[in-house]
Each structure stands twice: as C-alpha cells, then as structure tokens.
C-alpha atoms as a PDB file:
ATOM      1  CA  UNK A   1     105.248  97.470  77.122  1.00  0.00           C
ATOM      2  CA  UNK A   2     105.374  96.216  80.973  1.00  0.00           C
ATOM      3  CA  UNK A   3     108.300  96.084  82.337  1.00  0.00           C
ATOM      4  CA  UNK A   4     110.006  92.228  82.823  1.00  0.00           C
ATOM      5  CA  UNK A   5     112.624  90.768  84.294  1.00  0.00           C
ATOM      6  CA  UNK A   6     114.971  89.603  82.347  1.00  0.00           C
ATOM      7  CA  UNK A   7     114.145  86.477  80.317  1.00  0.00           C
ATOM      8  CA  UNK A   8     118.045  85.709  80.300  1.00  0.00           C
ATOM      9  CA  UNK A   9     120.254  85.483  82.934  1.00  0.00           C
ATOM     10  CA  UNK A  10     118.324  86.295  86.282  1.00  0.00           C
ATOM     11  CA  UNK A  11     117.304  82.945  86.749  1.00  0.00           C
ATOM     12  CA  UNK A  12     118.345  84.148  90.704  1.00  0.00           C
ATOM     13  CA  UNK A  13     117.450  87.461  91.980  1.00  0.00           C
ATOM     14  CA  UNK A  14     118.656  88.712  95.705  1.00  0.00           C
ATOM     15  CA  UNK A  15     117.067  91.102  97.931  1.00  0.00           C
ATOM     16  CA  UNK A  16     117.582  93.144 100.797  1.00  0.00           C
ATOM     17  CA  UNK A  17     115.829  94.911 103.440  1.00  0.00           C
ATOM     18  CA  UNK A  18     117.205  97.988 105.274  1.00  0.00           C
ATOM     19  CA  UNK A  19     116.169  99.075 108.616  1.00  0.00           C
ATOM     20  CA  UNK A  20     116.330 102.577 109.486  1.00  0.00           C
ATOM     21  CA  UNK A  21     116.412 103.638 113.791  1.00  0.00           C
ATOM     22  CA  UNK A  22     112.788 105.903 114.360  1.00  0.00           C
ATOM     23  CA  UNK A  23     114.462 109.349 113.831  1.00  0.00           C
ATOM     24  CA  UNK A  24     116.265 108.459 110.274  1.00  0.00           C
ATOM     25  CA  UNK A  25     117.216 111.430 108.248  1.00  0.00           C
ATOM     26  CA  UNK A  26     116.142 110.348 104.615  1.00  0.00           C
ATOM     27  CA  UNK A  27     115.499 112.164 101.351  1.00  0.00           C
ATOM     28  CA  UNK A  28     113.061 115.300 100.940  1.00  0.00           C
ATOM     29  CA  UNK A  29     111.350 113.702  97.568  1.00  0.00           C
ATOM     30  CA  UNK A  30     111.236 110.018  96.550  1.00  0.00           C
ATOM     31  CA  UNK A  31     113.506 110.638  93.403  1.00  0.00           C
ATOM     32  CA  UNK A  32     116.226 111.947  96.175  1.00  0.00           C
ATOM     33  CA  UNK A  33     116.042 108.729  98.040  1.00  0.00           C
ATOM     34  CA  UNK A  34     115.785 106.662  94.575  1.00  0.00           C
ATOM     35  CA  UNK A  35     119.153 108.361  92.664  1.00  0.00           C
ATOM     36  CA  UNK A  36     121.464 106.158  94.785  1.00  0.00           C
ATOM     37  CA  UNK A  37     119.706 102.876  92.941  1.00  0.00           C
ATOM     38  CA  UNK A  38     119.490 104.402  89.739  1.00  0.00           C
ATOM     39  CA  UNK A  39     122.849 106.062  88.783  1.00  0.00           C
ATOM     40  CA  UNK A  40     122.758 106.198  85.388  1.00  0.00           C
ATOM     41  CA  UNK A  41     119.386 107.940  84.900  1.00  0.00           C
ATOM     42  CA  UNK A  42     117.192 105.058  83.922  1.00  0.00           C
ATOM     43  CA  UNK A  43     113.593 105.422  83.544  1.00  0.00           C
ATOM     44  CA  UNK A  44     111.356 104.733  86.575  1.00  0.00           C
ATOM     45  CA  UNK A  45     108.270 102.754  86.665  1.00  0.00           C
ATOM     46  CA  UNK A  46     105.919 102.849  89.584  1.00  0.00           C
ATOM     47  CA  UNK A  47     104.514  99.088  90.127  1.00  0.00           C
ATOM     48  CA  UNK A  48     101.576  99.238  92.314  1.00  0.00           C
ATOM     49  CA  UNK A  49     100.855  97.586  95.918  1.00  0.00           C
ATOM     50  CA  UNK A  50      99.666  94.137  95.814  1.00  0.00           C
ATOM     51  CA  UNK A  51      98.351  91.402  98.766  1.00  0.00           C
ATOM     52  CA  UNK A  52     101.694  91.139 101.055  1.00  0.00           C
ATOM     53  CA  UNK A  53     103.966  93.454  98.999  1.00  0.00           C
ATOM     54  CA  UNK A  54     104.116  97.353  99.438  1.00  0.00           C
ATOM     55  CA  UNK A  55     104.401  99.895  95.761  1.00  0.00           C
ATOM     56  CA  UNK A  56     107.735  99.720  94.216  1.00  0.00           C
ATOM     57  CA  UNK A  57     109.695 101.980  91.684  1.00  0.00           C
ATOM     58  CA  UNK A  58     111.099  99.427  89.065  1.00  0.00           C
ATOM     59  CA  UNK A  59     114.274 100.994  87.409  1.00  0.00           C
ATOM     60  CA  UNK A  60     114.105 100.063  83.594  1.00  0.00           C
ATOM     61  CA  UNK A  61     116.311  99.919  80.810  1.00  0.00           C
ATOM     62  CA  UNK A  62     115.598 100.939  77.124  1.00  0.00           C
ATOM     63  CA  UNK A  63     114.023  97.397  76.622  1.00  0.00           C
ATOM     64  CA  UNK A  64     111.352  97.295  79.849  1.00  0.00           C
ATOM     65  CA  UNK A  65     113.669  95.064  81.645  1.00  0.00           C
ATOM     66  CA  UNK A  66     114.197  95.390  85.052  1.00  0.00           C
ATOM     67  CA  UNK A  67     117.473  96.222  86.504  1.00  0.00           C
ATOM     68  CA  UNK A  68     116.384  96.644  90.094  1.00  0.00           C
ATOM     69  CA  UNK A  69     113.378  97.346  92.110  1.00  0.00           C
ATOM     70  CA  UNK A  70     113.092  99.774  95.076  1.00  0.00           C
ATOM     71  CA  UNK A  71     110.122 100.158  98.291  1.00  0.00           C
ATOM     72  CA  UNK A  72     110.146 102.720 100.110  1.00  0.00           C
ATOM     73  CA  UNK A  73     108.529 104.828 102.624  1.00  0.00           C
ATOM     74  CA  UNK A  74     107.885 108.416 103.558  1.00  0.00           C
ATOM     75  CA  UNK A  75     109.105 108.383 107.149  1.00  0.00           C
ATOM     76  CA  UNK A  76     108.628 111.416 110.038  1.00  0.00           C
ATOM     77  CA  UNK A  77     112.121 112.754 108.349  1.00  0.00           C
ATOM     78  CA  UNK A  78     111.704 112.119 104.331  1.00  0.00           C
ATOM     79  CA  UNK A  79     111.890 109.350 101.892  1.00  0.00           C
ATOM     80  CA  UNK A  80     113.943 106.263 103.092  1.00  0.00           C
ATOM     81  CA  UNK A  81     114.285 103.049 100.530  1.00  0.00           C
ATOM     82  CA  UNK A  82     113.536  99.869 103.059  1.00  0.00           C
ATOM     83  CA  UNK A  83     114.176  97.361 100.171  1.00  0.00           C
ATOM     84  CA  UNK A  84     115.785  96.743  97.193  1.00  0.00           C
ATOM     85  CA  UNK A  85     115.760  93.366  94.576  1.00  0.00           C
ATOM     86  CA  UNK A  86     117.871  92.690  91.699  1.00  0.00           C
ATOM     87  CA  UNK A  87     119.369  90.117  89.493  1.00  0.00           C
ATOM     88  CA  UNK A  88     122.449  87.894  91.152  1.00  0.00           C
ATOM     89  CA  UNK A  89     122.852  85.473  88.479  1.00  0.00           C
END
C-alpha cells in the first residue's frame, strides 16, 4: 500500500523550511537526522524526487498514513533537515 495523507482531518498541511549556515554541523546518517522528526520510531518510506521537489522521507503509521514528510540533504558536515510538512487541521 502506498503512503497517503489522512483522508480525514488533514484538509490543511503546514510546511516549514529550515535554513542552515554554510558550515552547519549535521548528523552522521540520514536516520540520525530524521530521528528528531520520528520520536516514536514509526516506519519511514522514501518518496522519490519529482519535478520541482526534492526526495522526501515519509514517516508513516500502521495504516500507511503520512504523519510527517521530511526533506534533507547531505551538507559538507553531515545530513541536515531542510523541510518538514505535516497535517495542521
């Protein structure tokens, strides 16, 4: 089953963009960078890169509903999260 946003209670999604200074210290691995945004250790599914959108990591629950979508990149000093999207209403 493909991950999907909840069909109810997710009419609005909020997104945040995170800027980092050029020498920001990142995590050693993608998993470490993502851990802060997945405190309950839910499964994570990688969403492929699409036109005008970088690849994202989708934190999903047991019903394959997306709890949070996280984008990140590998900087010169490790992995840094640069965007988070989640249901806000």
